[in-house]
Amino acid sequence: MPPLGKEEVAEWLQMRGYGSQEECHCCLSMKSMTPDTEVVNPEVYLALGLSISSKRAAEFPRVLTLLSSILEATVQKNEKKLDSLEIKEFVTLFDGVRVPTLSIKRYMERIFKYSKCSPSCFVLAYIYIERFLQQPNICLTSLNVHRLLIASVVVAAKFIDDAFFSNAYYAKVGGISTLEMNRLEINFLFSVDFRLQVTVGTFEAYCLRLEKENTGYQVERPIKTCGLNEWSNIEDSKCQSAVQRCSCGTV
């Protein structure tokens, strides 16, 4: 993302419906997914727990388990390559100093429980993360996956859900400060070039991918080896290479 001056940032925030930088409310316009000619299979949605009733259910929808297992496997694979110097690590705004103690699955469950967003937001977040990872030299690791999740889910909730919370509330859910939540959201939006629209066909294809998990299902333009998985099509600060990886209670 190119550097912005204070006036440009203030103007941009005002255009997007933000208040102050400490308490912002991103008012992305509510748009439904773009329709196309592909036939939607409702059974796939039900299998993933994407029905309306799943939002109010006491249990967590199946999509959280499937997506968390994909992300966990990808993180482990990428970090093996980082350790063997097969790929180079670049630090972004989403990279923490230490690895959170909360697992990806538990973190996703926490976001779902307290953000009250629809289960479909997690599929949309998955698509957005792939688009984010289309940037050169960006890999999914244990240092950035949690922040990418909270940022992508927040953007997805503001884009497709009828109601959403303030960034101050989302920050508490994600275990970060309001200021950091604001910065992550802005950086994420610029990184995906505000490409938030998703066709119904693409949404269904990602649902099928989650359901099949280990198949070579291609949806969007694939990137290099450090994506969400070999079968995945992965649709700031100055970079440094060495970051300590140890246990920490917060994101």
C-alpha atoms as a PDB file:
ATOM      1  CA  MET A   1       0.000   0.000   0.000  1.00  0.00           C
ATOM      2  CA  PRO A   2       1.489   3.393  -0.935  1.00  0.00           C
ATOM      3  CA  PRO A   3       2.151   5.780   1.963  1.00  0.00           C
ATOM      4  CA  LEU A   4      -0.601   8.280   2.673  1.00  0.00           C
ATOM      5  CA  GLY A   5      -0.318  11.682   4.296  1.00  0.00           C
ATOM      6  CA  LYS A   6      -2.420  12.647   7.310  1.00  0.00           C
ATOM      7  CA  GLU A   7      -4.842  14.694   5.215  1.00  0.00           C
ATOM      8  CA  GLU A   8      -5.258  11.872   2.704  1.00  0.00           C
ATOM      9  CA  VAL A   9      -5.884   9.367   5.499  1.00  0.00           C
ATOM     10  CA  ALA A  10      -8.436  11.657   7.135  1.00  0.00           C
ATOM     11  CA  GLU A  11     -10.190  12.227   3.805  1.00  0.00           C
ATOM     12  CA  TRP A  12     -10.203   8.509   3.043  1.00  0.00           C
ATOM     13  CA  LEU A  13     -11.621   7.658   6.472  1.00  0.00           C
ATOM     14  CA  GLN A  14     -14.323  10.280   6.094  1.00  0.00           C
ATOM     15  CA  MET A  15     -15.263   8.952   2.659  1.00  0.00           C
ATOM     16  CA  ARG A  16     -15.622   5.467   4.137  1.00  0.00           C
ATOM     17  CA  GLY A  17     -17.861   6.637   6.975  1.00  0.00           C
ATOM     18  CA  TYR A  18     -15.253   6.441   9.749  1.00  0.00           C
ATOM     19  CA  GLY A  19     -15.372   8.561  12.868  1.00  0.00           C
ATOM     20  CA  SER A  20     -12.117   9.189  14.697  1.00  0.00           C
ATOM     21  CA  GLN A  21      -9.201   6.858  14.177  1.00  0.00           C
ATOM     22  CA  GLU A  22      -9.694   5.514  17.694  1.00  0.00           C
ATOM     23  CA  GLU A  23     -13.362   4.672  17.184  1.00  0.00           C
ATOM     24  CA  CYS A  24     -14.113   3.932  13.555  1.00  0.00           C
ATOM     25  CA  HIS A  25     -17.158   2.458  11.923  1.00  0.00           C
ATOM     26  CA  CYS A  26     -16.474   1.284   8.405  1.00  0.00           C
ATOM     27  CA  CYS A  27     -19.629   1.748   6.361  1.00  0.00           C
ATOM     28  CA  LEU A  28     -18.829  -0.368   3.342  1.00  0.00           C
ATOM     29  CA  SER A  29     -21.973  -0.489   1.274  1.00  0.00           C
ATOM     30  CA  MET A  30     -24.017  -3.641   1.744  1.00  0.00           C
ATOM     31  CA  LYS A  31     -23.967  -5.519  -1.536  1.00  0.00           C
ATOM     32  CA  SER A  32     -25.094  -9.022  -2.276  1.00  0.00           C
ATOM     33  CA  MET A  33     -22.793 -11.323  -4.160  1.00  0.00           C
ATOM     34  CA  THR A  34     -22.852 -10.841  -7.895  1.00  0.00           C
ATOM     35  CA  PRO A  35     -25.082 -13.430  -9.574  1.00  0.00           C
ATOM     36  CA  ASP A  36     -23.903 -15.554 -12.490  1.00  0.00           C
ATOM     37  CA  THR A  37     -25.157 -18.448 -14.531  1.00  0.00           C
ATOM     38  CA  GLU A  38     -23.880 -21.281 -12.303  1.00  0.00           C
ATOM     39  CA  VAL A  39     -26.387 -23.362 -10.392  1.00  0.00           C
ATOM     40  CA  VAL A  40     -26.091 -23.148  -6.619  1.00  0.00           C
ATOM     41  CA  ASN A  41     -26.314 -26.431  -4.719  1.00  0.00           C
ATOM     42  CA  PRO A  42     -28.092 -25.754  -1.397  1.00  0.00           C
ATOM     43  CA  GLU A  43     -26.930 -29.096   0.018  1.00  0.00           C
ATOM     44  CA  VAL A  44     -23.346 -27.844   0.024  1.00  0.00           C
ATOM     45  CA  TYR A  45     -24.339 -24.805   2.073  1.00  0.00           C
ATOM     46  CA  LEU A  46     -26.277 -26.910   4.563  1.00  0.00           C
ATOM     47  CA  ALA A  47     -23.356 -29.343   4.944  1.00  0.00           C
ATOM     48  CA  LEU A  48     -21.079 -26.462   5.891  1.00  0.00           C
ATOM     49  CA  GLY A  49     -23.590 -24.990   8.337  1.00  0.00           C
ATOM     50  CA  LEU A  50     -24.281 -21.900   6.249  1.00  0.00           C
ATOM     51  CA  SER A  51     -28.021 -21.888   6.857  1.00  0.00           C
ATOM     52  CA  ILE A  52     -29.644 -18.969   8.668  1.00  0.00           C
ATOM     53  CA  SER A  53     -30.377 -21.122  11.708  1.00  0.00           C
ATOM     54  CA  SER A  54     -26.656 -21.916  12.108  1.00  0.00           C
ATOM     55  CA  LYS A  55     -26.018 -18.315  13.127  1.00  0.00           C
ATOM     56  CA  ARG A  56     -28.168 -18.765  16.209  1.00  0.00           C
ATOM     57  CA  ALA A  57     -27.170 -22.363  16.960  1.00  0.00           C
ATOM     58  CA  ALA A  58     -25.241 -23.140  20.141  1.00  0.00           C
ATOM     59  CA  GLU A  59     -22.705 -25.236  18.220  1.00  0.00           C
ATOM     60  CA  PHE A  60     -20.202 -23.904  15.741  1.00  0.00           C
ATOM     61  CA  PRO A  61     -20.856 -24.391  12.020  1.00  0.00           C
ATOM     62  CA  ARG A  62     -18.791 -27.044  10.248  1.00  0.00           C
ATOM     63  CA  VAL A  63     -17.197 -24.452   7.980  1.00  0.00           C
ATOM     64  CA  LEU A  64     -15.064 -23.269  10.924  1.00  0.00           C
ATOM     65  CA  THR A  65     -13.557 -26.730  11.452  1.00  0.00           C
ATOM     66  CA  LEU A  66     -12.826 -27.267   7.761  1.00  0.00           C
ATOM     67  CA  LEU A  67     -11.339 -23.821   7.212  1.00  0.00           C
ATOM     68  CA  SER A  68      -9.224 -23.967  10.369  1.00  0.00           C
ATOM     69  CA  SER A  69      -7.758 -27.342   9.343  1.00  0.00           C
ATOM     70  CA  ILE A  70      -6.849 -25.937   5.915  1.00  0.00           C
ATOM     71  CA  LEU A  71      -5.189 -22.884   7.444  1.00  0.00           C
ATOM     72  CA  GLU A  72      -3.349 -24.956  10.068  1.00  0.00           C
ATOM     73  CA  ALA A  73      -1.964 -27.329   7.429  1.00  0.00           C
ATOM     74  CA  THR A  74      -0.871 -24.436   5.223  1.00  0.00           C
ATOM     75  CA  VAL A  75       0.856 -22.629   8.086  1.00  0.00           C
ATOM     76  CA  GLN A  76       2.766 -25.789   9.048  1.00  0.00           C
ATOM     77  CA  LYS A  77       3.823 -26.398   5.468  1.00  0.00           C
ATOM     78  CA  ASN A  78       4.954 -22.820   4.933  1.00  0.00           C
ATOM     79  CA  GLU A  79       6.948 -22.734   8.164  1.00  0.00           C
ATOM     80  CA  LYS A  80       8.805 -25.889   7.198  1.00  0.00           C
ATOM     81  CA  LYS A  81       9.805 -24.146   3.992  1.00  0.00           C
ATOM     82  CA  LEU A  82      10.796 -21.034   5.932  1.00  0.00           C
ATOM     83  CA  ASP A  83      12.942 -23.111   8.282  1.00  0.00           C
ATOM     84  CA  SER A  84      14.633 -24.810   5.327  1.00  0.00           C
ATOM     85  CA  LEU A  85      15.070 -21.441   3.598  1.00  0.00           C
ATOM     86  CA  GLU A  86      13.025 -22.617   0.581  1.00  0.00           C
ATOM     87  CA  ILE A  87      11.055 -19.418   0.829  1.00  0.00           C
ATOM     88  CA  LYS A  88      11.946 -16.058   2.354  1.00  0.00           C
ATOM     89  CA  GLU A  89       9.921 -14.511   5.138  1.00  0.00           C
ATOM     90  CA  PHE A  90       8.688 -10.949   4.698  1.00  0.00           C
ATOM     91  CA  VAL A  91       7.143  -9.115   7.625  1.00  0.00           C
ATOM     92  CA  THR A  92       3.917  -7.193   7.050  1.00  0.00           C
ATOM     93  CA  LEU A  93       1.590  -5.168   9.223  1.00  0.00           C
ATOM     94  CA  PHE A  94      -0.235  -8.428  10.004  1.00  0.00           C
ATOM     95  CA  ASP A  95       2.784 -10.168  11.519  1.00  0.00           C
ATOM     96  CA  GLY A  96       3.001 -10.327  15.290  1.00  0.00           C
ATOM     97  CA  VAL A  97       6.200 -10.599  17.298  1.00  0.00           C
ATOM     98  CA  ARG A  98       5.135 -13.875  18.895  1.00  0.00           C
ATOM     99  CA  VAL A  99       2.826 -16.735  17.988  1.00  0.00           C
ATOM    100  CA  PRO A 100      -0.495 -16.557  19.875  1.00  0.00           C
ATOM    101  CA  THR A 101      -1.252 -19.455  22.208  1.00  0.00           C
ATOM    102  CA  LEU A 102      -4.834 -19.617  20.931  1.00  0.00           C
ATOM    103  CA  SER A 103      -5.156 -22.098  18.060  1.00  0.00           C
ATOM    104  CA  ILE A 104      -6.587 -21.055  14.722  1.00  0.00           C
ATOM    105  CA  LYS A 105      -9.726 -23.119  15.353  1.00  0.00           C
ATOM    106  CA  ARG A 106     -10.304 -21.644  18.809  1.00  0.00           C
ATOM    107  CA  TYR A 107      -9.662 -18.162  17.479  1.00  0.00           C
ATOM    108  CA  MET A 108     -12.213 -18.636  14.693  1.00  0.00           C
ATOM    109  CA  GLU A 109     -14.742 -19.963  17.187  1.00  0.00           C
ATOM    110  CA  ARG A 110     -14.157 -16.921  19.369  1.00  0.00           C
ATOM    111  CA  ILE A 111     -14.712 -14.584  16.417  1.00  0.00           C
ATOM    112  CA  PHE A 112     -17.905 -16.414  15.439  1.00  0.00           C
ATOM    113  CA  LYS A 113     -19.262 -16.463  18.989  1.00  0.00           C
ATOM    114  CA  TYR A 114     -18.739 -12.817  19.839  1.00  0.00           C
ATOM    115  CA  SER A 115     -18.921 -11.068  16.465  1.00  0.00           C
ATOM    116  CA  LYS A 116     -22.368 -12.586  15.747  1.00  0.00           C
ATOM    117  CA  CYS A 117     -21.517 -12.610  12.055  1.00  0.00           C
ATOM    118  CA  SER A 118     -23.092 -15.044   9.617  1.00  0.00           C
ATOM    119  CA  PRO A 119     -21.222 -18.313   8.870  1.00  0.00           C
ATOM    120  CA  SER A 120     -20.972 -17.208   5.228  1.00  0.00           C
ATOM    121  CA  CYS A 121     -18.591 -14.454   6.360  1.00  0.00           C
ATOM    122  CA  PHE A 122     -15.911 -17.085   6.948  1.00  0.00           C
ATOM    123  CA  VAL A 123     -16.169 -18.382   3.382  1.00  0.00           C
ATOM    124  CA  LEU A 124     -15.937 -14.819   2.138  1.00  0.00           C
ATOM    125  CA  ALA A 125     -12.996 -14.184   4.477  1.00  0.00           C
ATOM    126  CA  TYR A 126     -11.279 -17.246   3.017  1.00  0.00           C
ATOM    127  CA  ILE A 127     -11.664 -15.806  -0.488  1.00  0.00           C
ATOM    128  CA  TYR A 128     -10.382 -12.411   0.663  1.00  0.00           C
ATOM    129  CA  ILE A 129      -7.330 -13.989   2.337  1.00  0.00           C
ATOM    130  CA  GLU A 130      -6.478 -15.725  -0.929  1.00  0.00           C
ATOM    131  CA  ARG A 131      -6.720 -12.407  -2.734  1.00  0.00           C
ATOM    132  CA  PHE A 132      -4.484 -10.820  -0.095  1.00  0.00           C
ATOM    133  CA  LEU A 133      -1.903 -13.570  -0.575  1.00  0.00           C
ATOM    134  CA  GLN A 134      -1.686 -12.844  -4.288  1.00  0.00           C
ATOM    135  CA  GLN A 135       0.833 -10.158  -3.355  1.00  0.00           C
ATOM    136  CA  PRO A 136       4.458 -11.108  -4.086  1.00  0.00           C
ATOM    137  CA  ASN A 137       6.462 -12.753  -1.283  1.00  0.00           C
ATOM    138  CA  ILE A 138       3.553 -12.940   1.173  1.00  0.00           C
ATOM    139  CA  CYS A 139       3.033 -16.252   2.956  1.00  0.00           C
ATOM    140  CA  LEU A 140       0.523 -17.460   5.501  1.00  0.00           C
ATOM    141  CA  THR A 141       2.354 -18.144   8.795  1.00  0.00           C
ATOM    142  CA  SER A 142       1.602 -18.555  12.479  1.00  0.00           C
ATOM    143  CA  LEU A 143       2.586 -14.910  12.963  1.00  0.00           C
ATOM    144  CA  ASN A 144       0.032 -13.399  10.579  1.00  0.00           C
ATOM    145  CA  VAL A 145      -2.855 -15.873  10.259  1.00  0.00           C
ATOM    146  CA  HIS A 146      -4.772 -14.596  13.315  1.00  0.00           C
ATOM    147  CA  ARG A 147      -4.671 -10.950  12.254  1.00  0.00           C
ATOM    148  CA  LEU A 148      -5.575 -11.853   8.686  1.00  0.00           C
ATOM    149  CA  LEU A 149      -8.576 -13.772  10.011  1.00  0.00           C
ATOM    150  CA  ILE A 150      -9.965 -10.962  12.162  1.00  0.00           C
ATOM    151  CA  ALA A 151      -9.395  -8.371   9.419  1.00  0.00           C
ATOM    152  CA  SER A 152     -10.957 -10.481   6.668  1.00  0.00           C
ATOM    153  CA  VAL A 153     -13.977 -11.497   8.757  1.00  0.00           C
ATOM    154  CA  VAL A 154     -14.619  -7.889   9.769  1.00  0.00           C
ATOM    155  CA  VAL A 155     -14.476  -6.749   6.143  1.00  0.00           C
ATOM    156  CA  ALA A 156     -16.754  -9.631   5.104  1.00  0.00           C
ATOM    157  CA  ALA A 157     -19.275  -8.864   7.857  1.00  0.00           C
ATOM    158  CA  LYS A 158     -19.441  -5.211   6.856  1.00  0.00           C
ATOM    159  CA  PHE A 159     -19.876  -6.156   3.228  1.00  0.00           C
ATOM    160  CA  ILE A 160     -22.632  -8.804   3.368  1.00  0.00           C
ATOM    161  CA  ASP A 161     -24.247  -8.817   6.823  1.00  0.00           C
ATOM    162  CA  ASP A 162     -27.219  -6.600   7.643  1.00  0.00           C
ATOM    163  CA  ALA A 163     -25.657  -5.381  10.896  1.00  0.00           C
ATOM    164  CA  PHE A 164     -22.152  -5.159  12.327  1.00  0.00           C
ATOM    165  CA  PHE A 165     -20.283  -3.785  15.336  1.00  0.00           C
ATOM    166  CA  SER A 166     -17.767  -0.975  15.730  1.00  0.00           C
ATOM    167  CA  ASN A 167     -14.079  -1.621  15.245  1.00  0.00           C
ATOM    168  CA  ALA A 168     -13.577  -1.033  18.971  1.00  0.00           C
ATOM    169  CA  TYR A 169     -15.761  -4.072  19.654  1.00  0.00           C
ATOM    170  CA  TYR A 170     -14.110  -6.199  16.951  1.00  0.00           C
ATOM    171  CA  ALA A 171     -10.724  -5.271  18.416  1.00  0.00           C
ATOM    172  CA  LYS A 172     -11.735  -6.722  21.785  1.00  0.00           C
ATOM    173  CA  VAL A 173     -12.964  -9.870  20.076  1.00  0.00           C
ATOM    174  CA  GLY A 174      -9.664 -10.207  18.225  1.00  0.00           C
ATOM    175  CA  GLY A 175      -7.445  -9.390  21.203  1.00  0.00           C
ATOM    176  CA  ILE A 176      -5.895  -6.286  19.670  1.00  0.00           C
ATOM    177  CA  SER A 177      -6.215  -2.537  20.156  1.00  0.00           C
ATOM    178  CA  THR A 178      -8.787  -0.410  18.319  1.00  0.00           C
ATOM    179  CA  LEU A 179      -6.032   1.514  16.589  1.00  0.00           C
ATOM    180  CA  GLU A 180      -4.470  -1.715  15.334  1.00  0.00           C
ATOM    181  CA  MET A 181      -7.850  -3.003  14.172  1.00  0.00           C
ATOM    182  CA  ASN A 182      -8.330   0.177  12.172  1.00  0.00           C
ATOM    183  CA  ARG A 183      -4.893  -0.124  10.603  1.00  0.00           C
ATOM    184  CA  LEU A 184      -5.345  -3.797   9.759  1.00  0.00           C
ATOM    185  CA  GLU A 185      -8.687  -3.150   8.092  1.00  0.00           C
ATOM    186  CA  ILE A 186      -7.395  -0.256   6.003  1.00  0.00           C
ATOM    187  CA  ASN A 187      -4.265  -2.149   4.983  1.00  0.00           C
ATOM    188  CA  PHE A 188      -6.276  -5.239   4.116  1.00  0.00           C
ATOM    189  CA  LEU A 189      -8.703  -3.284   1.931  1.00  0.00           C
ATOM    190  CA  PHE A 190      -5.900  -1.590   0.006  1.00  0.00           C
ATOM    191  CA  SER A 191      -4.012  -4.903  -0.313  1.00  0.00           C
ATOM    192  CA  VAL A 192      -6.976  -6.595  -2.001  1.00  0.00           C
ATOM    193  CA  ASP A 193      -7.559  -3.424  -4.019  1.00  0.00           C
ATOM    194  CA  PHE A 194     -11.089  -3.200  -2.599  1.00  0.00           C
ATOM    195  CA  ARG A 195     -12.062  -6.316  -4.575  1.00  0.00           C
ATOM    196  CA  LEU A 196     -14.871  -7.395  -2.265  1.00  0.00           C
ATOM    197  CA  GLN A 197     -17.410  -8.586  -4.801  1.00  0.00           C
ATOM    198  CA  VAL A 198     -17.731 -12.375  -5.103  1.00  0.00           C
ATOM    199  CA  THR A 199     -19.910 -14.135  -7.653  1.00  0.00           C
ATOM    200  CA  VAL A 200     -22.352 -16.790  -6.523  1.00  0.00           C
ATOM    201  CA  GLY A 201     -20.467 -19.332  -8.627  1.00  0.00           C
ATOM    202  CA  THR A 202     -17.149 -18.469  -6.988  1.00  0.00           C
ATOM    203  CA  PHE A 203     -18.721 -18.620  -3.533  1.00  0.00           C
ATOM    204  CA  GLU A 204     -20.138 -22.076  -4.245  1.00  0.00           C
ATOM    205  CA  ALA A 205     -16.815 -23.249  -5.679  1.00  0.00           C
ATOM    206  CA  TYR A 206     -15.041 -22.290  -2.474  1.00  0.00           C
ATOM    207  CA  CYS A 207     -17.719 -24.077  -0.469  1.00  0.00           C
ATOM    208  CA  LEU A 208     -17.111 -27.200  -2.552  1.00  0.00           C
ATOM    209  CA  ARG A 209     -13.391 -26.819  -1.993  1.00  0.00           C
ATOM    210  CA  LEU A 210     -13.912 -26.665   1.735  1.00  0.00           C
ATOM    211  CA  GLU A 211     -16.109 -29.742   1.536  1.00  0.00           C
ATOM    212  CA  LYS A 212     -13.657 -31.762  -0.556  1.00  0.00           C
ATOM    213  CA  GLU A 213     -10.596 -30.217   1.077  1.00  0.00           C
ATOM    214  CA  ASN A 214      -7.780 -32.260  -0.509  1.00  0.00           C
ATOM    215  CA  THR A 215      -8.854 -32.160  -4.146  1.00  0.00           C
ATOM    216  CA  GLY A 216      -7.152 -30.091  -6.813  1.00  0.00           C
ATOM    217  CA  TYR A 217     -10.030 -27.665  -7.197  1.00  0.00           C
ATOM    218  CA  GLN A 218      -9.032 -24.421  -8.921  1.00  0.00           C
ATOM    219  CA  VAL A 219     -11.102 -21.289  -8.503  1.00  0.00           C
ATOM    220  CA  GLU A 220      -9.046 -18.122  -8.800  1.00  0.00           C
ATOM    221  CA  ARG A 221      -5.606 -17.352 -10.148  1.00  0.00           C
ATOM    222  CA  PRO A 222      -3.032 -19.479  -8.274  1.00  0.00           C
ATOM    223  CA  ILE A 223       0.112 -17.977  -6.799  1.00  0.00           C
ATOM    224  CA  LYS A 224       3.451 -19.403  -5.749  1.00  0.00           C
ATOM    225  CA  THR A 225       4.056 -22.213  -3.331  1.00  0.00           C
ATOM    226  CA  CYS A 226       3.399 -20.247  -0.138  1.00  0.00           C
ATOM    227  CA  GLY A 227      -0.358 -20.027  -0.551  1.00  0.00           C
ATOM    228  CA  LEU A 228      -3.179 -21.594   1.452  1.00  0.00           C
ATOM    229  CA  ASN A 229      -2.198 -25.038   0.147  1.00  0.00           C
ATOM    230  CA  GLU A 230      -0.821 -26.604  -3.015  1.00  0.00           C
ATOM    231  CA  TRP A 231      -4.330 -26.965  -4.361  1.00  0.00           C
ATOM    232  CA  SER A 232      -5.279 -23.451  -3.234  1.00  0.00           C
ATOM    233  CA  ASN A 233      -5.475 -20.543  -5.643  1.00  0.00           C
ATOM    234  CA  ILE A 234      -4.547 -17.639  -3.497  1.00  0.00           C
ATOM    235  CA  GLU A 235      -7.083 -15.387  -4.853  1.00  0.00           C
ATOM    236  CA  ASP A 236       3.139  -1.575   5.615  1.00  0.00           C
ATOM    237  CA  SER A 237       6.104  -1.924   7.351  1.00  0.00           C
ATOM    238  CA  LYS A 238       9.554  -2.455   5.842  1.00  0.00           C
ATOM    239  CA  CYS A 239      10.287  -6.149   5.471  1.00  0.00           C
ATOM    240  CA  GLN A 240      12.608  -8.014   7.801  1.00  0.00           C
ATOM    241  CA  SER A 241      13.489 -11.686   7.762  1.00  0.00           C
ATOM    242  CA  ALA A 242      14.007 -12.871  11.321  1.00  0.00           C
ATOM    243  CA  VAL A 243      11.087 -12.827  13.739  1.00  0.00           C
ATOM    244  CA  GLN A 244      10.974 -14.694  17.026  1.00  0.00           C
ATOM    245  CA  ARG A 245       8.368 -17.481  17.163  1.00  0.00           C
ATOM    246  CA  CYS A 246       7.324 -18.171  20.735  1.00  0.00           C
ATOM    247  CA  SER A 247       4.227 -18.431  22.888  1.00  0.00           C
ATOM    248  CA  CYS A 248       2.086 -15.418  23.779  1.00  0.00           C
ATOM    249  CA  GLY A 249      -1.399 -15.080  25.203  1.00  0.00           C
ATOM    250  CA  THR A 250      -2.631 -12.332  22.889  1.00  0.00           C
ATOM    251  CA  VAL A 251      -2.712 -11.869  19.182  1.00  0.00           C
END
